[in-house]
N, C-alpha and C. Protein backbone atom coordinates (compact mmCIF):
# COMPACT_ATOMS: atom_id res chain seq x y z
N MET A 1 104.26 -1.65 11.59
CA MET A 1 103.90 -0.58 10.68
C MET A 1 104.37 0.73 11.28
N PRO A 2 104.58 1.78 10.44
CA PRO A 2 105.03 3.07 10.97
C PRO A 2 104.06 3.62 12.00
N ARG A 3 104.59 4.11 13.11
CA ARG A 3 103.72 4.66 14.16
C ARG A 3 102.89 5.82 13.63
N SER A 4 103.43 6.55 12.66
CA SER A 4 102.69 7.68 12.11
C SER A 4 101.43 7.26 11.37
N GLU A 5 101.33 5.98 10.99
CA GLU A 5 100.18 5.50 10.24
C GLU A 5 99.16 4.77 11.12
N LEU A 6 99.44 4.67 12.42
CA LEU A 6 98.50 4.04 13.33
C LEU A 6 97.27 4.92 13.52
N SER A 7 96.11 4.31 13.62
CA SER A 7 94.91 5.06 13.96
C SER A 7 95.01 5.49 15.42
N PRO A 8 94.60 6.72 15.74
CA PRO A 8 94.71 7.18 17.14
C PRO A 8 93.80 6.36 18.05
N LEU A 9 94.30 6.06 19.24
CA LEU A 9 93.50 5.36 20.23
C LEU A 9 92.49 6.33 20.85
N PRO A 10 91.32 5.84 21.25
CA PRO A 10 90.32 6.73 21.85
C PRO A 10 90.73 7.16 23.25
N GLU A 11 90.25 8.33 23.65
CA GLU A 11 90.44 8.77 25.03
C GLU A 11 89.46 8.03 25.93
N PRO A 12 89.82 7.80 27.19
CA PRO A 12 91.07 8.20 27.86
C PRO A 12 92.22 7.21 27.67
N LEU A 13 92.03 6.21 26.81
CA LEU A 13 93.07 5.21 26.61
C LEU A 13 94.35 5.84 26.06
N ALA A 14 94.19 6.78 25.14
CA ALA A 14 95.36 7.39 24.51
C ALA A 14 96.24 8.14 25.51
N SER A 15 95.64 8.60 26.62
CA SER A 15 96.42 9.29 27.65
C SER A 15 97.08 8.34 28.62
N ALA A 16 96.65 7.06 28.61
CA ALA A 16 97.15 6.08 29.58
C ALA A 16 98.22 5.18 28.99
N VAL A 17 98.16 4.90 27.69
CA VAL A 17 99.10 3.95 27.08
C VAL A 17 99.72 4.58 25.84
N ARG A 18 100.84 4.00 25.43
CA ARG A 18 101.53 4.41 24.21
C ARG A 18 101.95 3.16 23.45
N PRO A 19 101.97 3.22 22.11
CA PRO A 19 102.50 2.08 21.36
C PRO A 19 103.95 1.81 21.73
N VAL A 20 104.30 0.54 21.88
CA VAL A 20 105.69 0.17 22.15
C VAL A 20 106.52 0.51 20.91
N PRO A 21 107.55 1.35 21.04
CA PRO A 21 108.31 1.76 19.85
C PRO A 21 109.35 0.73 19.43
N PHE A 22 109.39 0.47 18.13
CA PHE A 22 110.46 -0.30 17.50
C PHE A 22 111.06 0.63 16.45
N GLY A 23 111.93 1.54 16.92
CA GLY A 23 112.37 2.61 16.05
C GLY A 23 111.19 3.51 15.75
N ARG A 24 110.90 3.70 14.48
CA ARG A 24 109.75 4.51 14.07
C ARG A 24 108.50 3.67 13.85
N HIS A 25 108.57 2.41 14.21
CA HIS A 25 107.47 1.50 13.94
C HIS A 25 106.80 1.03 15.22
N ALA A 26 105.63 0.44 15.07
CA ALA A 26 104.89 -0.21 16.15
C ALA A 26 104.57 -1.63 15.71
N LEU A 27 104.33 -2.49 16.68
CA LEU A 27 104.03 -3.89 16.39
C LEU A 27 102.52 -4.09 16.40
N VAL A 28 102.00 -4.53 15.26
CA VAL A 28 100.56 -4.77 15.10
C VAL A 28 100.35 -6.24 14.79
N GLY A 29 99.38 -6.83 15.45
CA GLY A 29 99.05 -8.23 15.20
C GLY A 29 97.64 -8.36 14.67
N ALA A 30 97.42 -9.35 13.84
CA ALA A 30 96.08 -9.64 13.33
C ALA A 30 95.84 -11.13 13.46
N ALA A 31 94.62 -11.52 13.75
CA ALA A 31 94.34 -12.93 14.01
C ALA A 31 92.93 -13.29 13.57
N TRP A 32 92.80 -14.51 13.07
CA TRP A 32 91.51 -15.15 12.86
C TRP A 32 91.34 -16.17 13.97
N VAL A 33 90.17 -16.22 14.57
CA VAL A 33 89.93 -17.09 15.72
C VAL A 33 88.61 -17.83 15.51
N ARG A 34 88.63 -19.11 15.88
CA ARG A 34 87.40 -19.90 15.86
C ARG A 34 87.21 -20.50 17.26
N TYR A 35 86.17 -20.05 17.95
CA TYR A 35 85.85 -20.57 19.27
C TYR A 35 84.89 -21.75 19.10
N GLU A 36 85.34 -22.91 19.52
CA GLU A 36 84.59 -24.15 19.31
C GLU A 36 83.53 -24.34 20.39
N PRO A 37 82.54 -25.21 20.14
CA PRO A 37 81.57 -25.54 21.18
C PRO A 37 82.26 -26.09 22.42
N GLY A 38 81.67 -25.78 23.57
CA GLY A 38 82.25 -26.19 24.84
C GLY A 38 82.65 -25.01 25.70
N GLY A 39 82.79 -23.83 25.09
CA GLY A 39 83.07 -22.61 25.84
C GLY A 39 81.78 -21.85 26.11
N VAL A 40 81.94 -20.61 26.54
CA VAL A 40 80.76 -19.77 26.83
C VAL A 40 79.98 -19.49 25.56
N LEU A 41 80.67 -19.17 24.46
CA LEU A 41 80.02 -18.91 23.18
C LEU A 41 80.78 -19.65 22.08
N HIS A 42 80.10 -19.87 20.98
CA HIS A 42 80.68 -20.55 19.81
C HIS A 42 80.54 -19.59 18.64
N TYR A 43 81.69 -19.03 18.16
CA TYR A 43 81.64 -18.05 17.07
C TYR A 43 83.02 -17.90 16.45
N ARG A 44 83.11 -17.05 15.43
CA ARG A 44 84.37 -16.76 14.76
C ARG A 44 84.65 -15.26 14.82
N GLU A 45 85.94 -14.90 14.69
CA GLU A 45 86.27 -13.47 14.74
C GLU A 45 87.55 -13.19 13.95
N LEU A 46 87.66 -11.94 13.56
CA LEU A 46 88.87 -11.38 12.95
C LEU A 46 89.21 -10.13 13.73
N LEU A 47 90.47 -9.99 14.14
CA LEU A 47 90.84 -8.82 14.95
C LEU A 47 92.20 -8.30 14.55
N SER A 48 92.41 -7.04 14.91
CA SER A 48 93.71 -6.39 14.79
C SER A 48 93.99 -5.67 16.10
N ALA A 49 95.23 -5.76 16.59
CA ALA A 49 95.58 -5.16 17.87
C ALA A 49 97.00 -4.61 17.81
N VAL A 50 97.28 -3.65 18.68
CA VAL A 50 98.60 -3.02 18.72
C VAL A 50 99.21 -3.26 20.10
N LEU A 51 100.51 -3.51 20.13
CA LEU A 51 101.23 -3.69 21.38
C LEU A 51 101.52 -2.31 21.98
N VAL A 52 101.05 -2.10 23.21
CA VAL A 52 101.23 -0.81 23.88
C VAL A 52 101.90 -1.03 25.23
N HIS A 53 102.25 0.06 25.89
CA HIS A 53 102.80 -0.04 27.25
C HIS A 53 102.15 1.04 28.11
N GLU A 54 101.94 0.69 29.36
CA GLU A 54 101.44 1.63 30.36
C GLU A 54 102.52 1.74 31.43
N GLY A 55 103.32 2.78 31.35
CA GLY A 55 104.54 2.81 32.13
C GLY A 55 105.47 1.72 31.63
N ARG A 56 105.85 0.82 32.54
CA ARG A 56 106.71 -0.30 32.14
C ARG A 56 105.91 -1.57 31.89
N ARG A 57 104.59 -1.50 31.94
CA ARG A 57 103.78 -2.70 31.79
C ARG A 57 103.29 -2.84 30.35
N PRO A 58 103.65 -3.95 29.69
CA PRO A 58 103.15 -4.16 28.33
C PRO A 58 101.69 -4.57 28.34
N ARG A 59 100.94 -4.07 27.38
CA ARG A 59 99.53 -4.43 27.23
C ARG A 59 99.22 -4.54 25.74
N VAL A 60 98.03 -5.01 25.44
CA VAL A 60 97.55 -5.10 24.07
C VAL A 60 96.25 -4.31 23.99
N SER A 61 96.08 -3.54 22.94
CA SER A 61 94.82 -2.83 22.72
C SER A 61 94.23 -3.25 21.38
N ILE A 62 93.00 -3.75 21.43
CA ILE A 62 92.32 -4.20 20.21
C ILE A 62 91.72 -2.98 19.51
N THR A 63 92.12 -2.78 18.27
CA THR A 63 91.69 -1.59 17.53
C THR A 63 90.55 -1.87 16.56
N GLU A 64 90.55 -3.03 15.93
CA GLU A 64 89.47 -3.44 15.02
C GLU A 64 89.14 -4.88 15.30
N ILE A 65 87.84 -5.21 15.29
CA ILE A 65 87.46 -6.60 15.53
C ILE A 65 86.05 -6.84 15.00
N TRP A 66 85.87 -8.01 14.36
CA TRP A 66 84.57 -8.40 13.82
C TRP A 66 84.26 -9.81 14.30
N VAL A 67 83.00 -10.06 14.61
CA VAL A 67 82.54 -11.37 15.04
C VAL A 67 81.25 -11.70 14.29
N ASP A 68 80.87 -12.99 14.32
CA ASP A 68 79.60 -13.37 13.68
C ASP A 68 78.59 -13.82 14.75
N SER A 69 78.66 -13.19 15.92
CA SER A 69 77.75 -13.50 17.03
C SER A 69 77.28 -12.20 17.66
N VAL A 70 75.97 -11.99 17.71
CA VAL A 70 75.42 -10.80 18.35
C VAL A 70 75.75 -10.80 19.84
N GLU A 71 75.68 -11.97 20.48
CA GLU A 71 75.98 -12.05 21.91
C GLU A 71 77.42 -11.66 22.19
N SER A 72 78.35 -12.12 21.35
CA SER A 72 79.75 -11.77 21.53
C SER A 72 79.96 -10.27 21.31
N ARG A 73 79.33 -9.71 20.28
CA ARG A 73 79.46 -8.28 20.03
C ARG A 73 78.99 -7.46 21.22
N ASP A 74 77.79 -7.75 21.70
CA ASP A 74 77.21 -6.95 22.77
C ASP A 74 77.96 -7.14 24.08
N GLY A 75 78.36 -8.39 24.39
CA GLY A 75 79.09 -8.64 25.62
C GLY A 75 80.47 -8.01 25.61
N GLY A 76 81.18 -8.10 24.48
CA GLY A 76 82.51 -7.51 24.40
C GLY A 76 82.49 -6.00 24.56
N ARG A 77 81.50 -5.36 23.99
CA ARG A 77 81.39 -3.91 24.11
C ARG A 77 81.05 -3.48 25.54
N ALA A 78 80.07 -4.18 26.14
CA ALA A 78 79.57 -3.76 27.45
C ALA A 78 80.52 -4.10 28.58
N LEU A 79 81.19 -5.24 28.51
CA LEU A 79 82.01 -5.69 29.63
C LEU A 79 83.43 -5.16 29.59
N TRP A 80 84.04 -5.12 28.41
CA TRP A 80 85.47 -4.85 28.32
C TRP A 80 85.83 -3.71 27.37
N GLY A 81 84.85 -3.07 26.77
CA GLY A 81 85.16 -1.96 25.86
C GLY A 81 85.80 -2.40 24.57
N ILE A 82 85.61 -3.65 24.17
CA ILE A 82 86.18 -4.14 22.92
C ILE A 82 85.24 -3.76 21.79
N PRO A 83 85.71 -3.02 20.78
CA PRO A 83 84.82 -2.42 19.76
C PRO A 83 84.38 -3.42 18.69
N LYS A 84 83.65 -4.45 19.10
CA LYS A 84 83.26 -5.51 18.17
C LYS A 84 82.15 -5.05 17.24
N ASP A 85 82.26 -5.43 15.98
CA ASP A 85 81.23 -5.24 14.97
C ASP A 85 80.89 -6.60 14.37
N LEU A 86 79.74 -6.66 13.69
CA LEU A 86 79.33 -7.90 13.06
C LEU A 86 79.88 -7.99 11.63
N ALA A 87 80.16 -9.21 11.22
CA ALA A 87 80.63 -9.47 9.86
C ALA A 87 80.30 -10.90 9.49
N GLU A 88 80.38 -11.17 8.20
CA GLU A 88 80.29 -12.55 7.71
C GLU A 88 81.70 -13.12 7.68
N LEU A 89 81.91 -14.22 8.43
CA LEU A 89 83.24 -14.79 8.58
C LEU A 89 83.24 -16.25 8.15
N GLU A 90 84.31 -16.63 7.47
CA GLU A 90 84.48 -18.02 7.03
C GLU A 90 85.84 -18.51 7.46
N LEU A 91 85.89 -19.68 8.07
CA LEU A 91 87.14 -20.35 8.41
C LEU A 91 86.98 -21.83 8.05
N ARG A 92 87.82 -22.32 7.16
CA ARG A 92 87.68 -23.71 6.72
C ARG A 92 89.04 -24.27 6.34
N ILE A 93 89.10 -25.59 6.27
CA ILE A 93 90.31 -26.28 5.83
C ILE A 93 90.18 -26.60 4.35
N SER A 94 91.15 -26.19 3.56
CA SER A 94 91.11 -26.46 2.13
C SER A 94 91.45 -27.93 1.85
N PRO A 95 91.15 -28.43 0.64
CA PRO A 95 91.52 -29.81 0.31
C PRO A 95 93.01 -30.09 0.47
N GLY A 96 93.84 -29.07 0.33
CA GLY A 96 95.28 -29.25 0.50
C GLY A 96 95.75 -29.16 1.93
N GLY A 97 94.83 -28.89 2.86
CA GLY A 97 95.19 -28.85 4.27
C GLY A 97 95.48 -27.46 4.82
N ASP A 98 95.42 -26.42 3.98
CA ASP A 98 95.63 -25.06 4.46
C ASP A 98 94.37 -24.56 5.16
N LEU A 99 94.56 -23.64 6.11
CA LEU A 99 93.43 -22.95 6.73
C LEU A 99 93.12 -21.72 5.90
N VAL A 100 91.88 -21.62 5.43
CA VAL A 100 91.46 -20.52 4.56
C VAL A 100 90.42 -19.68 5.31
N ALA A 101 90.58 -18.37 5.29
CA ALA A 101 89.70 -17.48 6.03
C ALA A 101 89.28 -16.31 5.15
N ALA A 102 88.07 -15.79 5.40
CA ALA A 102 87.58 -14.61 4.67
C ALA A 102 86.57 -13.88 5.54
N ALA A 103 86.51 -12.56 5.37
CA ALA A 103 85.58 -11.74 6.13
C ALA A 103 85.01 -10.65 5.24
N SER A 104 83.73 -10.37 5.41
CA SER A 104 83.09 -9.28 4.67
C SER A 104 81.97 -8.72 5.51
N THR A 105 81.67 -7.45 5.27
CA THR A 105 80.63 -6.78 6.02
C THR A 105 80.03 -5.67 5.18
N GLY A 106 78.85 -5.21 5.55
CA GLY A 106 78.22 -4.07 4.91
C GLY A 106 78.19 -2.89 5.85
N PRO A 107 78.27 -1.67 5.36
CA PRO A 107 78.29 -0.50 6.25
C PRO A 107 76.99 -0.32 7.01
N GLU A 108 75.87 -0.75 6.49
CA GLU A 108 74.58 -0.63 7.16
C GLU A 108 73.82 -1.93 6.99
N PRO A 109 72.96 -2.30 7.97
CA PRO A 109 72.16 -3.52 7.81
C PRO A 109 71.36 -3.50 6.51
N GLY A 110 71.40 -4.61 5.79
CA GLY A 110 70.69 -4.71 4.53
C GLY A 110 71.51 -4.33 3.32
N ASP A 111 72.65 -3.66 3.53
CA ASP A 111 73.50 -3.30 2.40
C ASP A 111 74.25 -4.53 1.89
N ARG A 112 74.72 -4.42 0.68
CA ARG A 112 75.51 -5.50 0.10
C ARG A 112 76.83 -5.65 0.86
N PRO A 113 77.19 -6.87 1.29
CA PRO A 113 78.43 -7.05 2.04
C PRO A 113 79.65 -6.57 1.24
N ALA A 114 80.58 -5.93 1.94
CA ALA A 114 81.82 -5.47 1.33
C ALA A 114 82.98 -6.26 1.93
N PRO A 115 83.95 -6.68 1.12
CA PRO A 115 85.05 -7.50 1.65
C PRO A 115 85.95 -6.72 2.59
N ILE A 116 86.36 -7.37 3.67
CA ILE A 116 87.36 -6.83 4.59
C ILE A 116 88.73 -7.38 4.22
N GLY A 117 88.80 -8.70 4.04
CA GLY A 117 90.06 -9.32 3.67
C GLY A 117 89.94 -10.83 3.74
N SER A 118 91.00 -11.50 3.33
CA SER A 118 91.06 -12.95 3.38
C SER A 118 92.50 -13.36 3.62
N ALA A 119 92.68 -14.64 3.93
CA ALA A 119 94.02 -15.13 4.22
C ALA A 119 94.04 -16.64 4.07
N SER A 120 95.22 -17.18 3.87
CA SER A 120 95.43 -18.63 3.89
C SER A 120 96.69 -18.91 4.70
N PHE A 121 96.65 -20.00 5.48
CA PHE A 121 97.73 -20.33 6.40
C PHE A 121 98.22 -21.74 6.11
N ARG A 122 99.53 -21.86 5.98
CA ARG A 122 100.17 -23.15 5.78
C ARG A 122 100.76 -23.59 7.12
N ARG A 123 100.17 -24.60 7.69
CA ARG A 123 100.58 -25.03 9.02
C ARG A 123 101.86 -25.86 8.93
N GLY A 124 102.89 -25.41 9.62
CA GLY A 124 104.18 -26.09 9.59
C GLY A 124 104.39 -26.96 10.80
N GLN A 125 105.64 -27.06 11.24
CA GLN A 125 106.03 -27.95 12.32
C GLN A 125 105.39 -27.51 13.63
N ARG A 126 104.90 -28.49 14.39
CA ARG A 126 104.36 -28.20 15.71
C ARG A 126 105.48 -28.24 16.73
N LEU A 127 105.55 -27.22 17.57
CA LEU A 127 106.56 -27.19 18.63
C LEU A 127 106.08 -28.03 19.81
N PRO A 128 107.01 -28.65 20.53
CA PRO A 128 106.60 -29.55 21.62
C PRO A 128 105.96 -28.78 22.78
N GLY A 129 105.06 -29.49 23.50
CA GLY A 129 104.46 -28.93 24.71
C GLY A 129 103.31 -27.98 24.43
N ARG A 130 102.81 -27.40 25.51
CA ARG A 130 101.78 -26.36 25.44
C ARG A 130 102.38 -25.06 25.90
N TRP A 131 102.00 -23.98 25.24
CA TRP A 131 102.62 -22.68 25.48
C TRP A 131 101.63 -21.77 26.18
N PRO A 132 102.08 -21.07 27.25
CA PRO A 132 101.18 -20.14 27.94
C PRO A 132 100.93 -18.90 27.10
N THR A 133 99.75 -18.32 27.28
CA THR A 133 99.39 -17.11 26.51
C THR A 133 98.91 -16.02 27.46
N PRO A 134 99.78 -15.54 28.37
CA PRO A 134 99.35 -14.48 29.29
C PRO A 134 99.46 -13.11 28.63
N LEU A 135 98.47 -12.27 28.82
CA LEU A 135 98.54 -10.89 28.36
C LEU A 135 97.50 -10.06 29.09
N SER A 136 97.62 -8.76 28.95
CA SER A 136 96.68 -7.82 29.55
C SER A 136 96.14 -6.92 28.44
N VAL A 137 94.83 -6.84 28.34
CA VAL A 137 94.17 -6.04 27.31
C VAL A 137 93.68 -4.73 27.93
N ALA A 138 93.96 -3.61 27.28
CA ALA A 138 93.54 -2.29 27.76
C ALA A 138 92.62 -1.66 26.72
N GLN A 139 91.43 -1.26 27.16
CA GLN A 139 90.44 -0.66 26.27
C GLN A 139 89.78 0.53 26.97
N ALA A 140 89.16 1.40 26.17
CA ALA A 140 88.39 2.53 26.70
C ALA A 140 86.94 2.11 26.84
N LEU A 141 86.35 2.43 28.00
CA LEU A 141 84.95 2.08 28.25
C LEU A 141 84.34 3.10 29.19
N GLY A 142 83.33 3.82 28.70
CA GLY A 142 82.58 4.75 29.54
C GLY A 142 83.43 5.81 30.21
N GLY A 143 84.41 6.34 29.52
CA GLY A 143 85.25 7.38 30.09
C GLY A 143 86.36 6.87 30.99
N SER A 144 86.55 5.55 31.04
CA SER A 144 87.60 4.96 31.87
C SER A 144 88.43 4.00 31.02
N VAL A 145 89.55 3.57 31.59
CA VAL A 145 90.38 2.55 30.97
C VAL A 145 90.13 1.22 31.67
N VAL A 146 89.73 0.21 30.91
CA VAL A 146 89.47 -1.11 31.46
C VAL A 146 90.67 -2.00 31.12
N ARG A 147 91.25 -2.61 32.15
CA ARG A 147 92.38 -3.51 31.97
C ARG A 147 91.92 -4.92 32.31
N THR A 148 92.04 -5.83 31.35
CA THR A 148 91.51 -7.18 31.52
C THR A 148 92.62 -8.20 31.34
N ARG A 149 92.74 -9.10 32.32
CA ARG A 149 93.73 -10.17 32.23
C ARG A 149 93.21 -11.29 31.33
N VAL A 150 94.11 -11.84 30.53
CA VAL A 150 93.80 -12.98 29.68
C VAL A 150 94.82 -14.06 30.00
N ARG A 151 94.32 -15.26 30.29
CA ARG A 151 95.21 -16.37 30.61
C ARG A 151 94.78 -17.60 29.80
N GLY A 152 95.76 -18.38 29.38
CA GLY A 152 95.43 -19.58 28.63
C GLY A 152 96.68 -20.32 28.21
N SER A 153 96.48 -21.36 27.41
CA SER A 153 97.60 -22.12 26.86
C SER A 153 97.15 -22.74 25.55
N ALA A 154 98.12 -23.10 24.73
CA ALA A 154 97.79 -23.64 23.41
C ALA A 154 98.97 -24.41 22.85
N GLY A 155 98.67 -25.32 21.92
CA GLY A 155 99.71 -25.89 21.09
C GLY A 155 100.14 -24.86 20.05
N LEU A 156 101.37 -24.91 19.60
CA LEU A 156 101.91 -23.89 18.72
C LEU A 156 102.52 -24.52 17.48
N ARG A 157 102.09 -24.03 16.32
CA ARG A 157 102.65 -24.44 15.04
C ARG A 157 103.22 -23.23 14.32
N LEU A 158 104.42 -23.39 13.77
CA LEU A 158 104.97 -22.37 12.88
C LEU A 158 104.39 -22.58 11.49
N GLY A 159 104.55 -21.59 10.64
CA GLY A 159 104.03 -21.73 9.28
C GLY A 159 104.08 -20.40 8.56
N GLY A 160 103.49 -20.39 7.38
CA GLY A 160 103.46 -19.18 6.58
C GLY A 160 102.03 -18.74 6.35
N ALA A 161 101.86 -17.50 5.93
CA ALA A 161 100.52 -16.97 5.70
C ALA A 161 100.55 -16.01 4.52
N THR A 162 99.46 -15.98 3.81
CA THR A 162 99.25 -15.01 2.74
C THR A 162 97.99 -14.22 3.05
N TRP A 163 98.13 -12.91 3.20
CA TRP A 163 97.00 -12.04 3.51
C TRP A 163 96.62 -11.24 2.28
N ARG A 164 95.33 -11.03 2.11
CA ARG A 164 94.81 -10.18 1.04
C ARG A 164 93.79 -9.24 1.68
N VAL A 165 94.26 -8.06 2.05
CA VAL A 165 93.42 -7.08 2.75
C VAL A 165 92.96 -6.02 1.76
N GLU A 166 91.67 -5.70 1.78
CA GLU A 166 91.13 -4.69 0.88
C GLU A 166 91.65 -3.30 1.28
N ALA A 167 92.31 -2.65 0.33
CA ALA A 167 92.92 -1.35 0.62
C ALA A 167 91.88 -0.32 1.02
N GLY A 168 90.68 -0.38 0.44
CA GLY A 168 89.65 0.59 0.77
C GLY A 168 88.72 0.14 1.87
N GLY A 169 89.03 -0.99 2.50
CA GLY A 169 88.17 -1.54 3.53
C GLY A 169 88.54 -1.05 4.92
N PRO A 170 87.82 -1.51 5.94
CA PRO A 170 88.06 -1.03 7.30
C PRO A 170 89.36 -1.51 7.91
N LEU A 171 90.04 -2.47 7.29
CA LEU A 171 91.35 -2.92 7.76
C LEU A 171 92.44 -2.52 6.76
N GLY A 172 92.14 -1.48 5.98
CA GLY A 172 93.03 -1.08 4.89
C GLY A 172 94.43 -0.68 5.32
N CYS A 173 94.63 -0.32 6.61
CA CYS A 173 95.96 0.05 7.07
C CYS A 173 96.95 -1.11 6.96
N LEU A 174 96.44 -2.34 6.86
CA LEU A 174 97.33 -3.50 6.73
C LEU A 174 97.47 -3.97 5.29
N ALA A 175 96.79 -3.33 4.37
CA ALA A 175 96.85 -3.75 2.97
C ALA A 175 98.28 -3.63 2.43
N GLY A 176 98.71 -4.68 1.75
CA GLY A 176 100.03 -4.67 1.13
C GLY A 176 101.18 -4.95 2.07
N ARG A 177 100.91 -5.18 3.34
CA ARG A 177 101.99 -5.44 4.30
C ARG A 177 102.19 -6.95 4.46
N ARG A 178 103.44 -7.34 4.62
CA ARG A 178 103.77 -8.75 4.81
C ARG A 178 103.99 -9.02 6.29
N PRO A 179 103.43 -10.11 6.81
CA PRO A 179 103.63 -10.42 8.24
C PRO A 179 105.07 -10.80 8.53
N LEU A 180 105.56 -10.35 9.68
CA LEU A 180 106.90 -10.73 10.12
C LEU A 180 106.95 -12.17 10.60
N LEU A 181 105.84 -12.63 11.21
CA LEU A 181 105.79 -13.97 11.78
C LEU A 181 104.35 -14.45 11.74
N SER A 182 104.16 -15.72 11.42
CA SER A 182 102.83 -16.32 11.41
C SER A 182 102.89 -17.61 12.23
N VAL A 183 101.93 -17.75 13.14
CA VAL A 183 101.83 -18.95 13.96
C VAL A 183 100.37 -19.38 14.01
N THR A 184 100.16 -20.65 14.31
CA THR A 184 98.82 -21.19 14.52
C THR A 184 98.75 -21.74 15.93
N LEU A 185 97.75 -21.29 16.68
CA LEU A 185 97.49 -21.81 18.02
C LEU A 185 96.42 -22.88 17.90
N THR A 186 96.73 -24.08 18.38
CA THR A 186 95.79 -25.19 18.26
C THR A 186 95.34 -25.64 19.64
N ASP A 187 94.09 -26.11 19.70
CA ASP A 187 93.54 -26.64 20.95
C ASP A 187 93.79 -25.68 22.10
N PHE A 188 93.47 -24.40 21.88
CA PHE A 188 93.78 -23.43 22.93
C PHE A 188 92.65 -23.34 23.94
N ARG A 189 93.06 -23.05 25.17
CA ARG A 189 92.14 -22.80 26.28
C ARG A 189 92.36 -21.36 26.71
N LEU A 190 91.29 -20.60 26.88
CA LEU A 190 91.42 -19.17 27.11
C LEU A 190 90.42 -18.72 28.16
N ARG A 191 90.90 -17.96 29.14
CA ARG A 191 90.02 -17.32 30.11
C ARG A 191 90.20 -15.81 29.99
N PHE A 192 89.13 -15.13 29.62
CA PHE A 192 89.17 -13.68 29.43
C PHE A 192 88.51 -13.03 30.64
N GLY A 193 89.29 -12.29 31.42
CA GLY A 193 88.75 -11.65 32.62
C GLY A 193 88.93 -12.52 33.84
N ALA A 194 88.54 -11.98 34.99
CA ALA A 194 88.68 -12.69 36.25
C ALA A 194 87.52 -13.66 36.43
N PRO A 195 87.75 -14.78 37.13
CA PRO A 195 86.65 -15.70 37.40
C PRO A 195 85.56 -15.02 38.22
N ALA A 196 84.33 -15.46 38.02
CA ALA A 196 83.23 -14.91 38.81
C ALA A 196 83.42 -15.29 40.28
N PRO A 197 83.08 -14.38 41.20
CA PRO A 197 83.24 -14.70 42.62
C PRO A 197 82.32 -15.83 43.03
N THR A 198 82.82 -16.65 43.95
CA THR A 198 82.03 -17.78 44.45
C THR A 198 81.04 -17.28 45.48
N ALA A 199 79.78 -17.70 45.36
CA ALA A 199 78.77 -17.26 46.31
C ALA A 199 79.06 -17.87 47.69
N ALA A 200 78.82 -17.08 48.71
CA ALA A 200 79.03 -17.54 50.08
C ALA A 200 77.98 -18.59 50.44
N THR A 201 78.39 -19.60 51.18
CA THR A 201 77.45 -20.61 51.64
C THR A 201 77.53 -20.70 53.15
N TRP A 202 76.42 -21.10 53.74
CA TRP A 202 76.35 -21.21 55.20
C TRP A 202 76.04 -22.64 55.59
N PRO A 203 76.64 -23.12 56.66
CA PRO A 203 76.38 -24.51 57.07
C PRO A 203 74.93 -24.69 57.52
């Protein structure tokens, strides 16, 4: 999307990173995620992020994100500065085999939910092997910039997607835009942040 239409990043993050330029445009990604049982938390999310650079180091900054877990919202905000909000999220497989997703939220607790957007994904050919997913996330937290390593791997499927984003909603900057590329990550394993230090033991 045009860099002129990007929402400004919060300080001090805006002084530390810049969107990676593609001419007059920036690269923005959006994703629906379903975290299955077996991890730290089990929930769903919708996010939007922009590719940025800090000097010569590429990073990702999450600009909008919604989850359906209070624990995920509070932990993401407190630990990594990820601006998570709550929403009603749906992710399901249609009778035809497509992945169908929808998100809605209300501006205040108790208000009538307002749509954020929806999408459908047609899963195509699976590429062989497992693909690494290394990246670094940069966010603003408490007057500082928090840089968090993300490591993982996943199966990768190509395919197509149809997005329907509400123009007047909180993700309206993506309304009417067509994705350049759509992929599905399957059976992914993800570690967000550094492992907890091992406690010292004495013989």
